[in-house]
Amino acid sequence: MSVQERKQRERAERERLIVATARELAEQQGWDAVTTRRLAERIEYSQPVLYSHFRGKREIIGAVALQGATEMALAMRAATASADGPRARVTALARAYLDFAEHNPAVYDALFQLDGGLAYAQEDTPEQLKDAFAALLECLGEVAGDGIAPGLFTELFWACLHGIATLTRTRRLPPEYTEQRLELLVDRLAAL
């Protein structure tokens, strides 16, 4: 291994450490607790080293969001792969989405609430975000109904899931009725 390859590997490892530490801190204490100073202390590198990887907290949030988008897409695809039939796939997809949001609140915020400097629904949207939407579209496109554009239907269904996830987490909706909301959403929107 050349010196340059070793340095590149070490740099990639530091970057992973920064993102993992930011994510862990945000999940434990919220995004307000994630500062470059605290991250530098936790990873035992100086702030200039941290800034050599990311220009600031916004880019770190973006990196966590991209990692989260990949994980969310995997979770949704895994859930739908084992489901039998369109209704079961849509229900599994919705549960996987809501479970991801519930168990990864800081990552979910990085994806959909905070400014991570990422472009959504644009030509320059990062591939991880496109893939997460594709994971939704793969399942929901088949139940959009006649004359309804699959992409538009997927956006609407996703917006409903996002609303359920966000409103439940902030206690605007009682969590004990999440399953009924999910069933109603599937029954009313999906052409099954």
C-alpha atoms as a PDB file:
ATOM      1  CA  MET A   1       0.000   0.000   0.000  1.00  0.00           C
ATOM      2  CA  SER A   2       1.384   3.380  -0.962  1.00  0.00           C
ATOM      3  CA  VAL A   3       1.581   6.319   1.411  1.00  0.00           C
ATOM      4  CA  GLN A   4      -1.109   8.112  -0.580  1.00  0.00           C
ATOM      5  CA  GLU A   5      -3.458   5.124  -0.353  1.00  0.00           C
ATOM      6  CA  ARG A   6      -2.887   4.904   3.401  1.00  0.00           C
ATOM      7  CA  LYS A   7      -3.610   8.623   3.814  1.00  0.00           C
ATOM      8  CA  GLN A   8      -6.791   8.308   1.759  1.00  0.00           C
ATOM      9  CA  ARG A   9      -7.917   5.351   3.864  1.00  0.00           C
ATOM     10  CA  GLU A  10      -7.169   7.234   7.098  1.00  0.00           C
ATOM     11  CA  ARG A  11      -9.043  10.275   5.803  1.00  0.00           C
ATOM     12  CA  ALA A  12     -12.082   8.153   4.923  1.00  0.00           C
ATOM     13  CA  GLU A  13     -11.965   6.535   8.381  1.00  0.00           C
ATOM     14  CA  ARG A  14     -11.830   9.960  10.068  1.00  0.00           C
ATOM     15  CA  GLU A  15     -14.768  11.117   7.991  1.00  0.00           C
ATOM     16  CA  ARG A  16     -16.793   8.036   8.990  1.00  0.00           C
ATOM     17  CA  LEU A  17     -15.861   8.681  12.625  1.00  0.00           C
ATOM     18  CA  ILE A  18     -17.021  12.297  12.410  1.00  0.00           C
ATOM     19  CA  VAL A  19     -20.367  11.308  10.864  1.00  0.00           C
ATOM     20  CA  ALA A  20     -20.918   8.426  13.297  1.00  0.00           C
ATOM     21  CA  THR A  21     -20.068  10.622  16.278  1.00  0.00           C
ATOM     22  CA  ALA A  22     -22.330  13.443  15.093  1.00  0.00           C
ATOM     23  CA  ARG A  23     -25.153  10.980  14.569  1.00  0.00           C
ATOM     24  CA  GLU A  24     -24.646   9.382  17.988  1.00  0.00           C
ATOM     25  CA  LEU A  25     -24.528  12.755  19.731  1.00  0.00           C
ATOM     26  CA  ALA A  26     -27.623  13.982  17.866  1.00  0.00           C
ATOM     27  CA  GLU A  27     -29.567  10.813  18.708  1.00  0.00           C
ATOM     28  CA  GLN A  28     -28.596  11.117  22.387  1.00  0.00           C
ATOM     29  CA  GLN A  29     -28.904  14.866  22.940  1.00  0.00           C
ATOM     30  CA  GLY A  30     -30.416  16.431  19.819  1.00  0.00           C
ATOM     31  CA  TRP A  31     -28.848  18.354  16.962  1.00  0.00           C
ATOM     32  CA  ASP A  32     -28.320  21.468  19.102  1.00  0.00           C
ATOM     33  CA  ALA A  33     -25.705  19.485  21.044  1.00  0.00           C
ATOM     34  CA  VAL A  34     -23.731  18.783  17.864  1.00  0.00           C
ATOM     35  CA  THR A  35     -21.088  21.469  17.563  1.00  0.00           C
ATOM     36  CA  THR A  36     -17.731  21.318  15.849  1.00  0.00           C
ATOM     37  CA  ARG A  37     -16.053  21.861  19.210  1.00  0.00           C
ATOM     38  CA  ARG A  38     -17.860  18.933  20.852  1.00  0.00           C
ATOM     39  CA  LEU A  39     -17.256  16.720  17.840  1.00  0.00           C
ATOM     40  CA  ALA A  40     -13.559  17.565  17.817  1.00  0.00           C
ATOM     41  CA  GLU A  41     -13.335  16.713  21.520  1.00  0.00           C
ATOM     42  CA  ARG A  42     -15.211  13.438  21.112  1.00  0.00           C
ATOM     43  CA  ILE A  43     -13.213  12.196  18.148  1.00  0.00           C
ATOM     44  CA  GLU A  44      -9.975  13.481  19.683  1.00  0.00           C
ATOM     45  CA  TYR A  45      -8.926  15.562  16.714  1.00  0.00           C
ATOM     46  CA  SER A  46      -8.592  19.311  16.452  1.00  0.00           C
ATOM     47  CA  GLN A  47     -11.308  21.488  14.962  1.00  0.00           C
ATOM     48  CA  PRO A  48      -9.092  22.284  11.941  1.00  0.00           C
ATOM     49  CA  VAL A  49      -8.954  18.541  11.186  1.00  0.00           C
ATOM     50  CA  LEU A  50     -12.741  18.392  11.366  1.00  0.00           C
ATOM     51  CA  TYR A  51     -12.961  21.412   9.055  1.00  0.00           C
ATOM     52  CA  SER A  52     -10.634  19.700   6.600  1.00  0.00           C
ATOM     53  CA  HIS A  53     -13.448  17.161   6.080  1.00  0.00           C
ATOM     54  CA  PHE A  54     -16.557  19.321   6.434  1.00  0.00           C
ATOM     55  CA  ARG A  55     -17.044  23.069   6.150  1.00  0.00           C
ATOM     56  CA  GLY A  56     -19.302  23.009   9.178  1.00  0.00           C
ATOM     57  CA  LYS A  57     -22.315  21.515  10.874  1.00  0.00           C
ATOM     58  CA  ARG A  58     -24.512  21.910   7.793  1.00  0.00           C
ATOM     59  CA  GLU A  59     -22.306  19.554   5.758  1.00  0.00           C
ATOM     60  CA  ILE A  60     -22.162  17.097   8.649  1.00  0.00           C
ATOM     61  CA  ILE A  61     -25.968  17.085   8.789  1.00  0.00           C
ATOM     62  CA  GLY A  62     -25.951  16.437   5.040  1.00  0.00           C
ATOM     63  CA  ALA A  63     -23.565  13.496   5.455  1.00  0.00           C
ATOM     64  CA  VAL A  64     -25.775  12.004   8.172  1.00  0.00           C
ATOM     65  CA  ALA A  65     -28.807  12.506   5.924  1.00  0.00           C
ATOM     66  CA  LEU A  66     -27.165  10.695   3.019  1.00  0.00           C
ATOM     67  CA  GLN A  67     -26.195   7.804   5.279  1.00  0.00           C
ATOM     68  CA  GLY A  68     -29.747   7.735   6.628  1.00  0.00           C
ATOM     69  CA  ALA A  69     -31.277   7.752   3.153  1.00  0.00           C
ATOM     70  CA  THR A  70     -29.262   4.666   2.266  1.00  0.00           C
ATOM     71  CA  GLU A  71     -30.360   2.911   5.461  1.00  0.00           C
ATOM     72  CA  MET A  72     -33.993   3.892   4.972  1.00  0.00           C
ATOM     73  CA  ALA A  73     -34.007   2.590   1.396  1.00  0.00           C
ATOM     74  CA  LEU A  74     -32.520  -0.715   2.547  1.00  0.00           C
ATOM     75  CA  ALA A  75     -35.086  -1.032   5.343  1.00  0.00           C
ATOM     76  CA  MET A  76     -38.011  -0.339   3.013  1.00  0.00           C
ATOM     77  CA  ARG A  77     -36.761  -2.751   0.354  1.00  0.00           C
ATOM     78  CA  ALA A  78     -36.149  -5.470   2.941  1.00  0.00           C
ATOM     79  CA  ALA A  79     -39.646  -5.009   4.344  1.00  0.00           C
ATOM     80  CA  THR A  80     -41.349  -5.164   0.966  1.00  0.00           C
ATOM     81  CA  ALA A  81     -39.265  -8.089  -0.310  1.00  0.00           C
ATOM     82  CA  SER A  82     -40.750 -10.476   2.211  1.00  0.00           C
ATOM     83  CA  ALA A  83     -44.351  -9.260   1.818  1.00  0.00           C
ATOM     84  CA  ASP A  84     -46.802 -11.225  -0.290  1.00  0.00           C
ATOM     85  CA  GLY A  85     -49.085  -9.183  -2.556  1.00  0.00           C
ATOM     86  CA  PRO A  86     -49.501  -5.459  -3.245  1.00  0.00           C
ATOM     87  CA  ARG A  87     -51.443  -4.626  -0.065  1.00  0.00           C
ATOM     88  CA  ALA A  88     -48.945  -6.439   2.148  1.00  0.00           C
ATOM     89  CA  ARG A  89     -46.037  -4.704   0.360  1.00  0.00           C
ATOM     90  CA  VAL A  90     -47.546  -1.232   0.776  1.00  0.00           C
ATOM     91  CA  THR A  91     -48.331  -1.889   4.434  1.00  0.00           C
ATOM     92  CA  ALA A  92     -44.822  -3.265   5.032  1.00  0.00           C
ATOM     93  CA  LEU A  93     -43.304  -0.252   3.283  1.00  0.00           C
ATOM     94  CA  ALA A  94     -45.321   2.164   5.414  1.00  0.00           C
ATOM     95  CA  ARG A  95     -44.402   0.329   8.630  1.00  0.00           C
ATOM     96  CA  ALA A  96     -40.721   0.272   7.683  1.00  0.00           C
ATOM     97  CA  TYR A  97     -40.802   4.003   6.960  1.00  0.00           C
ATOM     98  CA  LEU A  98     -42.534   4.830  10.251  1.00  0.00           C
ATOM     99  CA  ASP A  99     -40.257   2.473  12.206  1.00  0.00           C
ATOM    100  CA  PHE A 100     -37.180   4.105  10.697  1.00  0.00           C
ATOM    101  CA  ALA A 101     -38.475   7.562  11.624  1.00  0.00           C
ATOM    102  CA  GLU A 102     -39.300   6.444  15.164  1.00  0.00           C
ATOM    103  CA  HIS A 103     -36.025   4.648  15.863  1.00  0.00           C
ATOM    104  CA  ASN A 104     -33.736   7.193  14.162  1.00  0.00           C
ATOM    105  CA  PRO A 105     -35.207  10.601  15.032  1.00  0.00           C
ATOM    106  CA  ALA A 106     -31.992  12.597  14.578  1.00  0.00           C
ATOM    107  CA  VAL A 107     -31.293  10.960  11.228  1.00  0.00           C
ATOM    108  CA  TYR A 108     -34.896  11.535  10.177  1.00  0.00           C
ATOM    109  CA  ASP A 109     -34.523  15.205  11.123  1.00  0.00           C
ATOM    110  CA  ALA A 110     -31.292  15.409   9.126  1.00  0.00           C
ATOM    111  CA  LEU A 111     -33.140  13.970   6.144  1.00  0.00           C
ATOM    112  CA  PHE A 112     -36.317  16.023   6.277  1.00  0.00           C
ATOM    113  CA  GLN A 113     -36.233  18.834   8.816  1.00  0.00           C
ATOM    114  CA  LEU A 114     -32.745  20.329   8.924  1.00  0.00           C
ATOM    115  CA  ASP A 115     -30.733  22.113   6.280  1.00  0.00           C
ATOM    116  CA  GLY A 116     -27.958  19.761   5.268  1.00  0.00           C
ATOM    117  CA  GLY A 117     -27.306  21.642   2.048  1.00  0.00           C
ATOM    118  CA  LEU A 118     -28.776  18.836  -0.061  1.00  0.00           C
ATOM    119  CA  ALA A 119     -30.911  19.318  -3.144  1.00  0.00           C
ATOM    120  CA  TYR A 120     -34.192  17.406  -3.210  1.00  0.00           C
ATOM    121  CA  ALA A 121     -36.168  16.676  -6.368  1.00  0.00           C
ATOM    122  CA  GLN A 122     -33.553  18.414  -8.488  1.00  0.00           C
ATOM    123  CA  GLU A 123     -31.169  17.345 -11.198  1.00  0.00           C
ATOM    124  CA  ASP A 124     -28.272  17.492  -8.712  1.00  0.00           C
ATOM    125  CA  THR A 125     -30.048  15.510  -5.993  1.00  0.00           C
ATOM    126  CA  PRO A 126     -27.548  13.056  -4.475  1.00  0.00           C
ATOM    127  CA  GLU A 127     -27.972   9.434  -5.544  1.00  0.00           C
ATOM    128  CA  GLN A 128     -28.730   8.279  -1.990  1.00  0.00           C
ATOM    129  CA  LEU A 129     -31.798  10.537  -1.858  1.00  0.00           C
ATOM    130  CA  LYS A 130     -32.913   9.468  -5.317  1.00  0.00           C
ATOM    131  CA  ASP A 131     -32.570   5.842  -4.267  1.00  0.00           C
ATOM    132  CA  ALA A 132     -34.654   6.344  -1.116  1.00  0.00           C
ATOM    133  CA  PHE A 133     -37.434   7.835  -3.259  1.00  0.00           C
ATOM    134  CA  ALA A 134     -36.999   4.988  -5.747  1.00  0.00           C
ATOM    135  CA  ALA A 135     -37.527   2.496  -2.903  1.00  0.00           C
ATOM    136  CA  LEU A 136     -40.889   4.157  -2.261  1.00  0.00           C
ATOM    137  CA  LEU A 137     -41.757   4.358  -5.950  1.00  0.00           C
ATOM    138  CA  GLU A 138     -40.923   0.698  -6.622  1.00  0.00           C
ATOM    139  CA  CYS A 139     -43.671  -0.372  -4.252  1.00  0.00           C
ATOM    140  CA  LEU A 140     -46.161   2.470  -4.535  1.00  0.00           C
ATOM    141  CA  GLY A 141     -46.035   2.820  -8.307  1.00  0.00           C
ATOM    142  CA  GLU A 142     -47.892  -0.459  -8.676  1.00  0.00           C
ATOM    143  CA  VAL A 143     -50.849   0.760  -6.576  1.00  0.00           C
ATOM    144  CA  ALA A 144     -51.185   4.322  -7.877  1.00  0.00           C
ATOM    145  CA  GLY A 145     -54.363   3.603  -9.785  1.00  0.00           C
ATOM    146  CA  ASP A 146     -55.394   4.209 -13.362  1.00  0.00           C
ATOM    147  CA  GLY A 147     -54.575   7.615 -14.769  1.00  0.00           C
ATOM    148  CA  ILE A 148     -52.464   8.645 -11.768  1.00  0.00           C
ATOM    149  CA  ALA A 149     -48.783   9.300 -12.317  1.00  0.00           C
ATOM    150  CA  PRO A 150     -46.809   6.880 -10.108  1.00  0.00           C
ATOM    151  CA  GLY A 151     -44.336   9.602  -9.089  1.00  0.00           C
ATOM    152  CA  LEU A 152     -47.105  11.970  -8.036  1.00  0.00           C
ATOM    153  CA  PHE A 153     -48.884   9.217  -6.094  1.00  0.00           C
ATOM    154  CA  THR A 154     -45.606   8.296  -4.377  1.00  0.00           C
ATOM    155  CA  GLU A 155     -45.052  11.927  -3.358  1.00  0.00           C
ATOM    156  CA  LEU A 156     -48.538  12.111  -1.862  1.00  0.00           C
ATOM    157  CA  PHE A 157     -48.202   8.812   0.013  1.00  0.00           C
ATOM    158  CA  TRP A 158     -44.742   9.839   1.256  1.00  0.00           C
ATOM    159  CA  ALA A 159     -46.132  13.192   2.447  1.00  0.00           C
ATOM    160  CA  CYS A 160     -48.792  11.322   4.418  1.00  0.00           C
ATOM    161  CA  LEU A 161     -46.196   9.027   5.989  1.00  0.00           C
ATOM    162  CA  HIS A 162     -44.031  12.025   6.831  1.00  0.00           C
ATOM    163  CA  GLY A 163     -46.987  13.730   8.461  1.00  0.00           C
ATOM    164  CA  ILE A 164     -47.814  10.672  10.538  1.00  0.00           C
ATOM    165  CA  ALA A 165     -44.168  10.243  11.584  1.00  0.00           C
ATOM    166  CA  THR A 166     -43.641  13.893  12.458  1.00  0.00           C
ATOM    167  CA  LEU A 167     -46.954  14.527  14.181  1.00  0.00           C
ATOM    168  CA  THR A 168     -46.721  11.322  16.196  1.00  0.00           C
ATOM    169  CA  ARG A 169     -43.176  12.061  17.334  1.00  0.00           C
ATOM    170  CA  THR A 170     -44.116  15.551  18.462  1.00  0.00           C
ATOM    171  CA  ARG A 171     -47.175  14.148  20.278  1.00  0.00           C
ATOM    172  CA  ARG A 172     -49.644  16.035  18.084  1.00  0.00           C
ATOM    173  CA  LEU A 173     -51.094  12.615  17.238  1.00  0.00           C
ATOM    174  CA  PRO A 174     -51.481   9.898  19.896  1.00  0.00           C
ATOM    175  CA  PRO A 175     -49.020   7.078  19.088  1.00  0.00           C
ATOM    176  CA  GLU A 176     -51.451   4.337  20.082  1.00  0.00           C
ATOM    177  CA  TYR A 177     -53.452   4.998  16.892  1.00  0.00           C
ATOM    178  CA  THR A 178     -50.540   4.787  14.461  1.00  0.00           C
ATOM    179  CA  GLU A 179     -51.535   1.351  13.204  1.00  0.00           C
ATOM    180  CA  GLN A 180     -55.092   2.506  12.483  1.00  0.00           C
ATOM    181  CA  ARG A 181     -53.766   5.554  10.625  1.00  0.00           C
ATOM    182  CA  LEU A 182     -51.503   3.345   8.572  1.00  0.00           C
ATOM    183  CA  GLU A 183     -54.335   0.966   7.669  1.00  0.00           C
ATOM    184  CA  LEU A 184     -56.613   3.870   6.732  1.00  0.00           C
ATOM    185  CA  LEU A 185     -53.894   5.401   4.573  1.00  0.00           C
ATOM    186  CA  VAL A 186     -53.337   2.139   2.724  1.00  0.00           C
ATOM    187  CA  ASP A 187     -57.091   1.489   2.362  1.00  0.00           C
ATOM    188  CA  ARG A 188     -57.953   4.959   1.079  1.00  0.00           C
ATOM    189  CA  LEU A 189     -55.002   5.821  -1.131  1.00  0.00           C
ATOM    190  CA  ALA A 190     -53.740   2.596  -2.637  1.00  0.00           C
ATOM    191  CA  ALA A 191     -55.696   1.130  -5.563  1.00  0.00           C
ATOM    192  CA  LEU A 192     -55.654  -2.473  -4.372  1.00  0.00           C
END
